[in-house]
Amino acid sequence: MNATHERVARAFRRGLPSYHDAARVQAASAGRLAEMLAQDGAGPRIGRVFEFGCGTGLLTRRLRARFEIPSYDTNDLLPEAAPHLPSELRAGFRAGPVEDLVLDGVYDLIASGATIQWIADPVALLARLSAHLAPGGRLLLGGFGRGHFREIAALAAPAPLFYADPEDWPALLPPGLTLRTVEARREVLGFDDLPQLLRHLRATGVTGNARTGWGRAALRRAEARWRAAHALPDGRLGLSYDCVHLVARRAT
């Protein structure tokens, strides 16, 4: 793993025990992705699936609940993710950076939720993965738009590596894939104070690209700036999730 992978791995390793319960926006996003896939005409049976960045299985469970999937291969940066998956999927789990993973054969669906933002070169990754889509196979992705976590600037914290709005995606997809549908959905969470908000971030692992910490005085100043600029009507601190979901398909 490179230095970025190592930082992300440390953050998600720390947050893995709490992720499944804390990542409520990611869970809703996973449900929406499964719904969009069905609306695009997939299923009821999808023969072979590869999911990267499976984490604790939020998307995994929703896809398997919605579709009949005889073959389901999974990947995550962390080997510790495997025990969080349904037991019958653990044999097909492979740990490590998806950029380094060698795929075997073709898939009817390649899917990922809330992972693409951590990829340094998503265009190159998607081009390589799409070569393993069967004719008529689909790419299902959940990521985040450019307004995601816009309030984080109050902490002078670096953003994850890659955000893209719906209008960006036609140029990002590799040749041979047609964008079938893409959408953006915003949800703003509220927190009583900055320590509570930071606990939420740590619990979901999303501080994985942060390089610096803040002392008590710096946090007080950051909270004051945050509250002045991003207070919700009830006075709590706002944190914006700008989710982007898409379905693309390879020509038959």
Protein backbone atom coordinates (compact mmCIF):
# COMPACT_ATOMS: atom_id res chain seq x y z
CA MET A 1 0.00 0.00 0.00
CA ASN A 2 1.11 3.56 -0.66
CA ALA A 3 1.03 6.34 1.94
CA THR A 4 -2.53 7.39 1.09
CA HIS A 5 -3.77 3.81 1.33
CA GLU A 6 -2.09 3.49 4.70
CA ARG A 7 -3.74 6.65 6.07
CA VAL A 8 -7.15 5.57 4.82
CA ALA A 9 -6.64 2.07 6.19
CA ARG A 10 -5.74 3.41 9.64
CA ALA A 11 -8.83 5.60 9.77
CA PHE A 12 -11.23 2.91 8.58
CA ARG A 13 -9.65 0.29 10.79
CA ARG A 14 -10.31 2.52 13.78
CA GLY A 15 -13.88 3.20 12.64
CA LEU A 16 -14.77 -0.30 11.44
CA PRO A 17 -16.49 -1.47 14.67
CA SER A 18 -18.75 1.61 14.69
CA TYR A 19 -19.18 2.14 10.94
CA HIS A 20 -22.23 -0.03 10.35
CA ASP A 21 -24.32 1.83 12.93
CA ALA A 22 -22.88 5.32 12.43
CA ALA A 23 -22.94 5.45 8.61
CA ARG A 24 -26.65 6.14 8.29
CA VAL A 25 -26.31 8.33 5.19
CA GLN A 26 -24.16 5.67 3.50
CA ALA A 27 -26.78 3.05 4.40
CA ALA A 28 -29.54 5.10 2.79
CA SER A 29 -27.31 5.61 -0.25
CA ALA A 30 -26.81 1.84 -0.55
CA GLY A 31 -30.56 1.32 -0.51
CA ARG A 32 -31.04 3.93 -3.20
CA LEU A 33 -28.37 2.32 -5.40
CA ALA A 34 -30.15 -1.04 -5.25
CA GLU A 35 -33.41 0.71 -6.14
CA MET A 36 -31.85 2.50 -9.11
CA LEU A 37 -30.38 -0.75 -10.40
CA ALA A 38 -33.81 -2.38 -10.35
CA GLN A 39 -35.38 0.66 -12.02
CA ASP A 40 -32.82 0.33 -14.82
CA GLY A 41 -34.13 -3.16 -15.55
CA ALA A 42 -31.51 -5.32 -13.86
CA GLY A 43 -32.51 -8.64 -12.41
CA PRO A 44 -34.32 -10.31 -10.89
CA ARG A 45 -31.20 -12.47 -11.37
CA ILE A 46 -27.68 -11.06 -11.74
CA GLY A 47 -25.29 -13.88 -12.48
CA ARG A 48 -21.92 -12.57 -11.32
CA VAL A 49 -21.14 -9.49 -9.20
CA PHE A 50 -17.93 -7.80 -8.07
CA GLU A 51 -18.12 -5.17 -5.33
CA PHE A 52 -15.11 -3.11 -4.31
CA GLY A 53 -14.86 -1.20 -1.05
CA CYS A 54 -17.51 -3.42 0.51
CA GLY A 55 -16.73 -2.32 4.08
CA THR A 56 -19.26 -3.77 6.51
CA GLY A 57 -21.57 -4.86 3.70
CA LEU A 58 -24.14 -2.06 3.54
CA LEU A 59 -24.47 -2.29 -0.25
CA THR A 60 -23.74 -6.01 -0.27
CA ARG A 61 -26.78 -6.80 1.83
CA ARG A 62 -29.11 -4.53 -0.09
CA LEU A 63 -28.13 -5.96 -3.46
CA ARG A 64 -28.47 -9.54 -2.23
CA ALA A 65 -31.85 -8.75 -0.69
CA ARG A 66 -33.10 -7.26 -3.96
CA PHE A 67 -31.61 -9.66 -6.52
CA GLU A 68 -30.75 -13.32 -6.94
CA ILE A 69 -26.94 -13.36 -7.23
CA PRO A 70 -25.31 -16.81 -7.56
CA SER A 71 -21.72 -15.47 -7.60
CA TYR A 72 -20.69 -12.46 -5.49
CA ASP A 73 -17.02 -11.43 -5.17
CA THR A 74 -16.04 -8.71 -2.70
CA ASN A 75 -13.03 -6.53 -1.98
CA ASP A 76 -12.03 -4.05 0.68
CA LEU A 77 -8.82 -2.27 1.61
CA LEU A 78 -9.03 -3.88 5.06
CA PRO A 79 -8.83 -7.64 5.61
CA GLU A 80 -10.78 -7.00 8.83
CA ALA A 81 -13.86 -6.27 6.73
CA ALA A 82 -14.35 -9.95 5.88
CA PRO A 83 -15.97 -11.00 9.20
CA HIS A 84 -18.62 -8.29 8.72
CA LEU A 85 -19.85 -9.94 5.51
CA PRO A 86 -22.35 -12.78 5.29
CA SER A 87 -20.43 -15.99 5.99
CA GLU A 88 -21.10 -17.46 2.55
CA LEU A 89 -19.33 -14.52 0.86
CA ARG A 90 -16.10 -14.62 2.84
CA ALA A 91 -14.41 -17.16 0.58
CA GLY A 92 -14.76 -14.74 -2.34
CA PHE A 93 -13.41 -11.76 -0.40
CA ARG A 94 -10.04 -10.26 -1.36
CA ALA A 95 -8.30 -7.60 0.70
CA GLY A 96 -6.10 -4.77 -0.51
CA PRO A 97 -6.26 -1.71 -2.79
CA VAL A 98 -8.69 -2.33 -5.61
CA GLU A 99 -6.22 -0.58 -7.93
CA ASP A 100 -3.86 -3.56 -7.46
CA LEU A 101 -6.47 -6.29 -7.69
CA VAL A 102 -6.35 -8.70 -10.64
CA LEU A 103 -9.84 -9.68 -11.77
CA ASP A 104 -10.70 -13.00 -13.34
CA GLY A 105 -13.25 -13.19 -16.14
CA VAL A 106 -16.27 -10.96 -16.63
CA TYR A 107 -19.06 -9.70 -14.38
CA ASP A 108 -22.67 -8.78 -14.94
CA LEU A 109 -22.38 -6.05 -12.33
CA ILE A 110 -19.47 -4.12 -10.85
CA ALA A 111 -20.63 -2.07 -7.87
CA SER A 112 -19.33 0.18 -5.15
CA GLY A 113 -20.81 2.53 -2.59
CA ALA A 114 -18.98 5.41 -0.87
CA THR A 115 -15.51 4.28 -1.99
CA ILE A 116 -14.68 5.97 -5.30
CA GLN A 117 -13.83 9.23 -3.49
CA TRP A 118 -10.73 7.57 -1.98
CA ILE A 119 -9.31 6.53 -5.37
CA ALA A 120 -6.41 8.68 -6.63
CA ASP A 121 -7.09 7.96 -10.34
CA PRO A 122 -10.74 6.90 -10.66
CA VAL A 123 -10.75 7.26 -14.44
CA ALA A 124 -7.95 4.71 -14.79
CA LEU A 125 -9.57 2.36 -12.28
CA LEU A 126 -12.97 2.45 -13.97
CA ALA A 127 -11.40 1.90 -17.38
CA ARG A 128 -9.65 -1.22 -16.08
CA LEU A 129 -12.70 -2.53 -14.24
CA SER A 130 -15.06 -1.91 -17.14
CA ALA A 131 -12.98 -4.24 -19.30
CA HIS A 132 -14.35 -6.98 -17.04
CA LEU A 133 -17.99 -6.13 -17.64
CA ALA A 134 -19.92 -8.65 -19.72
CA PRO A 135 -21.91 -7.33 -22.72
CA GLY A 136 -24.94 -5.61 -21.20
CA GLY A 137 -23.25 -5.56 -17.80
CA ARG A 138 -23.70 -2.60 -15.48
CA LEU A 139 -21.54 -0.34 -13.37
CA LEU A 140 -23.25 0.86 -10.17
CA LEU A 141 -21.50 3.61 -8.21
CA GLY A 142 -22.20 5.75 -5.20
CA GLY A 143 -19.88 8.68 -4.54
CA PHE A 144 -20.06 12.32 -3.52
CA GLY A 145 -20.37 15.66 -5.25
CA ARG A 146 -18.21 18.76 -4.99
CA GLY A 147 -20.37 20.25 -2.24
CA HIS A 148 -19.89 17.24 0.00
CA PHE A 149 -18.62 18.12 3.49
CA ARG A 150 -18.22 21.73 2.34
CA GLU A 151 -18.18 22.79 6.00
CA ILE A 152 -14.96 20.81 6.61
CA ALA A 153 -13.01 23.85 5.37
CA ALA A 154 -13.64 25.33 8.82
CA LEU A 155 -11.19 22.73 10.13
CA ALA A 156 -8.60 23.29 7.39
CA ALA A 157 -8.83 19.53 6.79
CA PRO A 158 -7.99 18.02 3.40
CA ALA A 159 -10.87 16.52 1.47
CA PRO A 160 -10.88 12.99 0.14
CA LEU A 161 -9.20 12.53 -3.19
CA PHE A 162 -12.11 12.70 -5.63
CA TYR A 163 -15.51 14.37 -5.77
CA ALA A 164 -17.61 14.58 -8.93
CA ASP A 165 -21.02 16.10 -9.64
CA PRO A 166 -23.57 14.43 -11.94
CA GLU A 167 -22.57 16.61 -14.89
CA ASP A 168 -18.93 15.49 -14.53
CA TRP A 169 -19.63 11.80 -14.98
CA PRO A 170 -20.19 11.51 -18.76
CA ALA A 171 -16.56 12.55 -19.31
CA LEU A 172 -15.23 10.26 -16.56
CA LEU A 173 -16.68 6.99 -17.79
CA PRO A 174 -14.57 4.83 -20.12
CA PRO A 175 -15.50 4.30 -23.77
CA GLY A 176 -18.06 1.57 -24.25
CA LEU A 177 -20.12 2.50 -21.20
CA THR A 178 -23.34 4.48 -21.50
CA LEU A 179 -24.52 6.52 -18.54
CA ARG A 180 -28.07 5.34 -17.92
CA THR A 181 -28.97 7.50 -14.94
CA VAL A 182 -27.20 9.77 -12.48
CA GLU A 183 -28.57 11.78 -9.57
CA ALA A 184 -27.49 13.94 -6.64
CA ARG A 185 -29.09 13.84 -3.20
CA ARG A 186 -28.18 16.13 -0.30
CA GLU A 187 -28.70 15.42 3.37
CA VAL A 188 -27.54 17.75 6.14
CA LEU A 189 -26.86 16.22 9.54
CA GLY A 190 -26.90 18.31 12.72
CA PHE A 191 -24.57 18.08 15.72
CA ASP A 192 -24.68 19.76 19.11
CA ASP A 193 -21.00 20.69 19.10
CA LEU A 194 -17.78 20.07 17.23
CA PRO A 195 -16.56 17.16 19.39
CA GLN A 196 -19.81 15.31 18.63
CA LEU A 197 -19.38 15.98 14.92
CA LEU A 198 -15.78 14.79 14.99
CA ARG A 199 -16.83 11.59 16.77
CA HIS A 200 -19.27 10.98 13.92
CA LEU A 201 -16.50 11.47 11.36
CA ARG A 202 -14.17 9.12 13.22
CA ALA A 203 -16.92 6.52 13.63
CA THR A 204 -17.42 6.44 9.86
CA GLY A 205 -13.71 6.53 8.97
CA VAL A 206 -13.99 9.59 6.76
CA THR A 207 -11.00 11.34 8.33
CA GLY A 208 -8.80 8.91 6.40
CA ASN A 209 -7.00 11.60 4.38
CA ALA A 210 -6.50 14.02 7.26
CA ARG A 211 -2.87 14.85 8.01
CA THR A 212 -3.20 17.10 11.05
CA GLY A 213 -4.93 17.28 14.41
CA TRP A 214 -6.22 20.24 16.38
CA GLY A 215 -5.69 21.31 19.96
CA ARG A 216 -8.47 22.39 22.29
CA ALA A 217 -8.13 26.09 21.52
CA ALA A 218 -8.02 25.45 17.78
CA LEU A 219 -11.16 23.33 18.03
CA ARG A 220 -12.97 26.11 19.90
CA ARG A 221 -12.04 28.57 17.17
CA ALA A 222 -13.08 26.11 14.46
CA GLU A 223 -16.43 25.50 16.17
CA ALA A 224 -17.07 29.25 16.39
CA ARG A 225 -16.33 29.66 12.67
CA TRP A 226 -18.46 26.64 11.82
CA ARG A 227 -21.40 27.84 13.90
CA ALA A 228 -21.19 31.33 12.40
CA ALA A 229 -21.17 30.03 8.83
CA HIS A 230 -23.09 26.74 8.95
CA ALA A 231 -25.50 26.76 11.88
CA LEU A 232 -28.83 25.03 11.26
CA PRO A 233 -32.12 26.72 12.21
CA ASP A 234 -32.07 24.86 15.53
CA GLY A 235 -28.55 26.15 16.25
CA ARG A 236 -26.74 22.85 15.72
CA LEU A 237 -23.67 22.52 13.51
CA GLY A 238 -24.51 21.41 9.98
CA LEU A 239 -22.61 18.81 7.97
CA SER A 240 -23.60 18.31 4.32
CA TYR A 241 -23.61 14.95 2.60
CA ASP A 242 -23.86 15.41 -1.19
CA CYS A 243 -24.43 11.88 -2.46
CA VAL A 244 -24.11 11.07 -6.16
CA HIS A 245 -25.49 7.79 -7.53
CA LEU A 246 -25.15 6.42 -11.04
CA VAL A 247 -25.83 3.43 -13.24
CA ALA A 248 -23.87 2.87 -16.47
CA ARG A 249 -24.10 -0.03 -18.91
CA ARG A 250 -21.87 -1.74 -21.44
CA ALA A 251 -23.34 -2.23 -24.90
CA THR A 252 -24.72 -5.67 -25.66
